Amino acid sequence: MRFFILAIILILAGCAQNLSTYKVPKVPSKEGFVKTANGQLYYQTMGQGDAVIVIHGGPGMDQGYLLPGMATLAQKHQVVFYDQLGCGRSTATVIDESHITINSFVEDIETLRKALKFEKVTIVGHSWGGMLAMYYAVKYPKNIKKLVLMNTVTSAGMEEFLDEVEKRTMPSAGEFEKLKASQEFIDSEPQAVAQYYRLFFQYYFHNPKDLEKLNLQLEPKGAATGVKVAKILEESIFGKYTDQHADLQKLKIPTLIIRGESDVIPMSAANSMAHSIKGSKLVVLKNCGHFPYIEQPKEWLEITEEFLRK
């Protein structure tokens, strides 16, 4: 059953739409590509002010599901959304175990920072993106002004997290298997993949009706390469639980940790991060699951902005 859960968590990716797709704040914006050691990253920037790089979840997903909700940060900051290598509109020259690694993804963030000529940045990571943000912070602490970790987990809470996902999704196990066996899904048709996501992510919301607000626009190319990336990273993330406690204790970066009270991420994981990162602030949002920018957008923005302007 554990393999079944991992297969769901690491399922096919969506595409990155351009800014015109969303109702975003009327602020200066641009998009482009940055060359990396193994391909190129697609990015979008919006707003002006302090630089904020947002790292999306997955792995294998892209920035699309964060929009338009997290675009509200662009009202006071220059926010950068990017697709991780091999996901969405970012392309990888080679997709294999030697090129798709946590360390290579960390280096991609550093390449993006340099290309956009940012001296110091605030890093905002959601879900898997929060894990990646912590790895980047440990390796490049001097390049980070502040760190926001949203609905994420470390090795300390991984087993509990996977157990909770399995427990929540059990009622739909039959539907998952039926959909996975369909030819449309096997052929990675966007509609079938989106349907799979909807079935799965309903269990990640405090109120399942909020699922309707989650952007699940998909495109064939991003889905096909994203699933390959996800499968490769599966072993790194879920197969080998590297203890980050000692590394996180060395951080001296102002850090905000956000968790929804109904999140599939266990409270123990949030507490572990708060304990490890000295001086960090942990906020638990009521009536909220895994997507606070959708479920409690006003409170999420107020808490985040208060932290960023200090």
Protein backbone atom coordinates (compact mmCIF):
# COMPACT_ATOMS: atom_id res chain seq x y z
CA MET A 1 0.00 0.00 0.00
CA ARG A 2 2.93 2.34 0.71
CA PHE A 3 4.00 2.12 -2.95
CA PHE A 4 0.45 3.08 -3.92
CA ILE A 5 0.69 6.22 -1.80
CA LEU A 6 4.08 7.20 -3.22
CA ALA A 7 2.76 6.72 -6.73
CA ILE A 8 -0.02 9.18 -5.97
CA ILE A 9 2.25 11.72 -4.30
CA LEU A 10 4.68 11.65 -7.21
CA ILE A 11 2.06 11.57 -9.95
CA LEU A 12 2.26 13.48 -13.23
CA ALA A 13 2.97 17.19 -13.39
CA GLY A 14 1.04 20.15 -14.72
CA CYS A 15 2.17 22.94 -16.98
CA ALA A 16 3.27 26.48 -16.22
CA GLN A 17 0.88 28.97 -17.71
CA ASN A 18 2.04 32.50 -18.48
CA LEU A 19 0.88 35.45 -16.42
CA SER A 20 -1.97 36.31 -18.76
CA THR A 21 -3.66 33.06 -17.74
CA TYR A 22 -4.34 34.35 -14.24
CA LYS A 23 -6.00 37.29 -12.56
CA VAL A 24 -2.87 38.64 -10.92
CA PRO A 25 -2.13 42.05 -9.40
CA LYS A 26 -1.49 44.80 -11.97
CA VAL A 27 2.24 45.05 -11.40
CA PRO A 28 5.34 45.00 -13.63
CA SER A 29 5.96 41.47 -14.87
CA LYS A 30 8.13 39.48 -17.25
CA GLU A 31 9.01 35.92 -18.14
CA GLY A 32 12.03 34.17 -19.53
CA PHE A 33 14.46 31.27 -19.39
CA VAL A 34 17.72 30.80 -17.50
CA LYS A 35 20.30 28.33 -18.74
CA THR A 36 21.49 25.78 -16.18
CA ALA A 37 24.08 23.02 -16.14
CA ASN A 38 21.51 20.55 -17.46
CA GLY A 39 18.87 22.51 -19.37
CA GLN A 40 16.94 25.70 -18.82
CA LEU A 41 14.53 27.02 -16.21
CA TYR A 42 11.35 28.85 -17.12
CA TYR A 43 10.53 31.70 -14.74
CA GLN A 44 8.04 34.50 -14.27
CA THR A 45 8.60 37.60 -12.17
CA MET A 46 6.02 40.09 -11.01
CA GLY A 47 6.04 43.15 -8.80
CA GLN A 48 8.82 45.35 -7.43
CA GLY A 49 10.79 45.46 -4.20
CA ASP A 50 12.70 42.84 -2.23
CA ALA A 51 13.32 39.63 -4.18
CA VAL A 52 11.22 36.60 -3.24
CA ILE A 53 11.81 33.26 -4.95
CA VAL A 54 8.94 30.80 -4.61
CA ILE A 55 9.70 27.07 -4.83
CA HIS A 56 6.77 24.87 -5.85
CA GLY A 57 5.89 21.44 -4.54
CA GLY A 58 5.81 18.01 -6.12
CA PRO A 59 8.32 16.84 -7.07
CA GLY A 60 7.28 16.77 -10.69
CA MET A 61 4.75 19.58 -10.46
CA ASP A 62 5.26 23.20 -11.51
CA GLN A 63 4.42 26.73 -10.47
CA GLY A 64 0.93 26.65 -11.98
CA TYR A 65 -0.90 25.33 -8.91
CA LEU A 66 0.42 28.24 -6.81
CA LEU A 67 -1.28 30.80 -9.04
CA PRO A 68 -3.10 33.05 -8.83
CA GLY A 69 -3.22 32.76 -5.01
CA MET A 70 0.42 33.40 -4.20
CA ALA A 71 0.69 36.19 -6.75
CA THR A 72 -0.71 38.50 -4.06
CA LEU A 73 2.85 38.67 -2.67
CA ALA A 74 3.74 40.74 -5.74
CA GLN A 75 1.83 43.72 -4.39
CA LYS A 76 4.86 44.57 -2.21
CA HIS A 77 7.72 42.41 -3.50
CA GLN A 78 9.42 41.25 -6.67
CA VAL A 79 8.25 37.65 -6.75
CA VAL A 80 9.82 34.94 -8.89
CA PHE A 81 7.94 31.75 -9.76
CA TYR A 82 9.90 29.11 -11.65
CA ASP A 83 9.45 25.55 -12.86
CA GLN A 84 11.91 23.02 -11.53
CA LEU A 85 14.07 21.29 -14.14
CA GLY A 86 12.11 18.91 -16.37
CA CYS A 87 8.80 20.25 -15.07
CA GLY A 88 6.26 22.55 -16.70
CA ARG A 89 8.08 24.67 -19.27
CA SER A 90 11.57 24.03 -17.90
CA THR A 91 13.52 21.54 -19.97
CA ALA A 92 16.27 19.12 -19.02
CA THR A 93 18.96 17.97 -21.42
CA VAL A 94 19.19 14.63 -19.64
CA ILE A 95 16.69 13.13 -17.20
CA ASP A 96 18.47 10.42 -15.23
CA GLU A 97 19.69 9.70 -11.70
CA SER A 98 22.99 11.51 -12.16
CA HIS A 99 21.43 14.75 -13.39
CA ILE A 100 18.13 14.91 -11.47
CA THR A 101 19.21 15.16 -7.84
CA ILE A 102 18.35 17.27 -4.83
CA ASN A 103 21.78 18.88 -5.07
CA SER A 104 21.33 19.75 -8.76
CA PHE A 105 17.97 21.34 -7.94
CA VAL A 106 19.65 23.37 -5.19
CA GLU A 107 22.26 24.54 -7.70
CA ASP A 108 19.47 25.51 -10.10
CA ILE A 109 18.08 27.89 -7.47
CA GLU A 110 21.52 29.43 -7.07
CA THR A 111 21.88 29.75 -10.85
CA LEU A 112 18.51 31.49 -11.01
CA ARG A 113 19.46 33.91 -8.22
CA LYS A 114 22.69 34.86 -9.98
CA ALA A 115 21.05 35.19 -13.40
CA LEU A 116 18.45 37.59 -12.00
CA LYS A 117 21.22 39.52 -10.23
CA PHE A 118 19.76 39.23 -6.73
CA GLU A 119 22.26 39.67 -3.89
CA LYS A 120 20.03 38.26 -1.17
CA VAL A 121 16.60 36.68 -1.54
CA THR A 122 13.71 35.55 0.57
CA ILE A 123 12.90 31.93 -0.16
CA VAL A 124 9.31 30.69 0.10
CA GLY A 125 8.93 26.92 -0.25
CA HIS A 126 5.65 25.01 -0.33
CA SER A 127 5.41 21.28 0.43
CA TRP A 128 8.32 19.53 -1.38
CA GLY A 129 9.47 23.04 -2.23
CA GLY A 130 9.92 23.67 1.49
CA MET A 131 12.23 20.67 1.73
CA LEU A 132 14.24 21.99 -1.20
CA ALA A 133 14.31 25.43 0.43
CA MET A 134 15.88 23.93 3.56
CA TYR A 135 18.57 22.17 1.51
CA TYR A 136 19.33 25.45 -0.25
CA ALA A 137 19.43 27.34 3.05
CA VAL A 138 21.91 24.87 4.54
CA LYS A 139 24.23 25.17 1.53
CA TYR A 140 23.83 28.90 0.81
CA PRO A 141 22.77 30.55 4.09
CA LYS A 142 24.50 33.85 3.27
CA ASN A 143 22.33 34.30 0.18
CA ILE A 144 19.05 34.20 2.09
CA LYS A 145 17.43 37.15 3.80
CA LYS A 146 14.41 35.26 5.16
CA LEU A 147 12.90 31.80 4.86
CA VAL A 148 9.23 30.81 4.72
CA LEU A 149 8.43 27.10 4.99
CA MET A 150 4.84 26.26 4.10
CA ASN A 151 3.23 22.87 4.76
CA THR A 152 6.47 20.97 4.52
CA VAL A 153 8.15 18.04 6.23
CA THR A 154 11.61 16.78 7.17
CA SER A 155 12.84 13.27 7.78
CA ALA A 156 11.52 13.51 11.34
CA GLY A 157 7.92 13.42 10.17
CA MET A 158 8.16 11.43 6.93
CA GLU A 159 6.78 8.10 8.14
CA GLU A 160 3.89 9.77 9.96
CA PHE A 161 3.16 11.86 6.87
CA LEU A 162 3.00 8.84 4.56
CA ASP A 163 0.83 6.95 7.04
CA GLU A 164 -1.60 9.88 7.20
CA VAL A 165 -1.81 10.14 3.40
CA GLU A 166 -2.54 6.42 3.17
CA LYS A 167 -5.22 6.66 5.83
CA ARG A 168 -6.99 9.65 4.26
CA THR A 169 -6.99 8.39 0.69
CA MET A 170 -8.08 4.82 1.52
CA PRO A 171 -11.79 5.50 0.79
CA SER A 172 -10.91 6.28 -2.84
CA ALA A 173 -8.44 3.42 -3.38
CA GLY A 174 -10.75 1.68 -5.83
CA GLU A 175 -11.34 4.84 -7.85
CA PHE A 176 -7.60 5.48 -8.02
CA GLU A 177 -6.90 2.02 -9.37
CA LYS A 178 -9.68 2.26 -11.95
CA LEU A 179 -8.44 5.61 -13.21
CA LYS A 180 -4.82 4.44 -13.32
CA ALA A 181 -5.89 1.50 -15.49
CA SER A 182 -7.67 3.71 -18.04
CA GLN A 183 -6.03 4.17 -21.43
CA GLU A 184 -6.37 7.95 -21.13
CA PHE A 185 -4.31 7.95 -17.96
CA ILE A 186 -1.74 5.52 -19.36
CA ASP A 187 -1.37 7.86 -22.34
CA SER A 188 -0.88 10.82 -19.96
CA GLU A 189 -3.84 12.71 -21.36
CA PRO A 190 -4.15 15.97 -19.40
CA GLN A 191 -7.84 15.51 -18.57
CA ALA A 192 -7.27 12.09 -17.03
CA VAL A 193 -4.27 13.29 -15.05
CA ALA A 194 -6.19 16.33 -13.80
CA GLN A 195 -9.02 14.05 -12.71
CA TYR A 196 -6.51 11.95 -10.78
CA TYR A 197 -5.18 15.07 -9.06
CA ARG A 198 -8.68 16.22 -8.11
CA LEU A 199 -9.50 12.86 -6.60
CA PHE A 200 -6.28 12.88 -4.60
CA PHE A 201 -6.02 16.48 -3.45
CA GLN A 202 -9.54 16.61 -2.02
CA TYR A 203 -8.03 14.92 1.03
CA TYR A 204 -5.48 17.71 1.41
CA PHE A 205 -8.07 20.41 2.05
CA HIS A 206 -9.85 21.21 5.30
CA ASN A 207 -12.97 21.82 3.20
CA PRO A 208 -12.94 19.56 0.10
CA LYS A 209 -15.03 22.14 -1.79
CA ASP A 210 -11.97 24.41 -1.86
CA LEU A 211 -10.45 21.95 -4.32
CA GLU A 212 -12.35 23.84 -7.04
CA LYS A 213 -10.01 26.81 -6.46
CA LEU A 214 -6.84 24.80 -7.13
CA ASN A 215 -5.42 25.38 -10.61
CA LEU A 216 -4.96 22.03 -12.35
CA GLN A 217 -4.38 23.08 -15.95
CA LEU A 218 -2.18 20.48 -17.60
CA GLU A 219 -0.26 20.05 -20.83
CA PRO A 220 1.19 16.85 -22.33
CA LYS A 221 4.90 17.75 -22.45
CA GLY A 222 5.11 18.94 -18.85
CA ALA A 223 3.23 15.88 -17.64
CA ALA A 224 5.41 13.42 -19.52
CA THR A 225 8.74 14.79 -18.30
CA GLY A 226 7.50 15.70 -14.83
CA VAL A 227 6.63 12.13 -13.97
CA LYS A 228 10.17 11.03 -14.92
CA VAL A 229 11.64 13.66 -12.63
CA ALA A 230 9.30 12.62 -9.84
CA LYS A 231 10.21 8.95 -10.08
CA ILE A 232 13.92 9.71 -9.93
CA LEU A 233 13.60 11.98 -6.90
CA GLU A 234 11.32 9.52 -5.11
CA GLU A 235 14.28 7.53 -3.81
CA SER A 236 16.07 10.66 -2.59
CA ILE A 237 13.06 12.04 -0.73
CA PHE A 238 11.10 9.04 0.46
CA GLY A 239 13.59 6.21 0.18
CA LYS A 240 16.45 7.67 2.21
CA TYR A 241 15.49 9.69 5.26
CA THR A 242 18.51 11.93 5.74
CA ASP A 243 18.41 13.51 9.18
CA GLN A 244 18.49 17.29 8.67
CA HIS A 245 18.24 18.16 12.36
CA ALA A 246 21.95 18.92 12.86
CA ASP A 247 22.18 21.02 9.67
CA LEU A 248 19.05 23.01 10.46
CA GLN A 249 20.39 23.83 13.92
CA LYS A 250 23.24 25.75 12.28
CA LEU A 251 20.88 28.14 10.47
CA LYS A 252 20.65 31.72 11.66
CA ILE A 253 18.05 32.83 9.15
CA PRO A 254 14.76 34.44 10.23
CA THR A 255 12.26 31.66 9.47
CA LEU A 256 8.48 31.45 9.36
CA ILE A 257 6.90 27.99 9.44
CA ILE A 258 3.25 27.73 8.34
CA ARG A 259 0.98 24.73 8.80
CA GLY A 260 -2.77 24.23 8.45
CA GLU A 261 -4.40 22.55 11.44
CA SER A 262 -5.93 19.94 9.10
CA ASP A 263 -2.79 19.49 7.00
CA VAL A 264 -1.72 16.01 5.96
CA ILE A 265 1.74 17.08 7.16
CA PRO A 266 1.96 15.98 10.82
CA MET A 267 2.22 18.52 13.62
CA SER A 268 5.33 16.71 14.79
CA ALA A 269 7.10 17.73 11.57
CA ALA A 270 6.30 21.41 12.07
CA ASN A 271 7.37 21.22 15.73
CA SER A 272 10.61 19.49 14.74
CA MET A 273 11.49 22.25 12.26
CA ALA A 274 10.60 24.96 14.76
CA HIS A 275 12.80 23.27 17.37
CA SER A 276 15.71 22.80 14.96
CA ILE A 277 15.76 26.30 13.45
CA LYS A 278 16.60 28.64 16.30
CA GLY A 279 14.40 31.71 16.56
CA SER A 280 11.90 30.45 14.00
CA LYS A 281 8.20 31.24 14.29
CA LEU A 282 5.55 28.54 13.88
CA VAL A 283 2.00 29.54 12.89
CA VAL A 284 -0.87 27.05 12.67
CA LEU A 285 -3.86 28.25 10.65
CA LYS A 286 -7.31 27.10 11.71
CA ASN A 287 -9.80 25.65 9.20
CA CYS A 288 -6.92 25.07 6.82
CA GLY A 289 -5.21 22.11 5.20
CA HIS A 290 -2.29 21.94 2.78
CA PHE A 291 -3.00 25.05 0.67
CA PRO A 292 -3.24 28.11 2.96
CA TYR A 293 -3.03 30.65 0.11
CA ILE A 294 -6.30 29.11 -1.15
CA GLU A 295 -8.03 28.08 2.06
CA GLN A 296 -7.19 31.09 4.24
CA PRO A 297 -5.80 33.62 1.74
CA LYS A 298 -6.32 36.77 3.82
CA GLU A 299 -4.82 35.36 7.01
CA TRP A 300 -1.99 33.68 5.12
CA LEU A 301 -1.03 36.93 3.37
CA GLU A 302 -1.24 39.01 6.55
CA ILE A 303 0.97 36.59 8.49
CA THR A 304 3.48 36.29 5.67
CA GLU A 305 3.67 40.04 5.01
CA GLU A 306 4.06 40.81 8.70
CA PHE A 307 7.02 38.45 8.81
CA LEU A 308 8.59 39.82 5.61
CA ARG A 309 8.44 43.47 6.59
CA LYS A 310 10.10 43.04 10.00
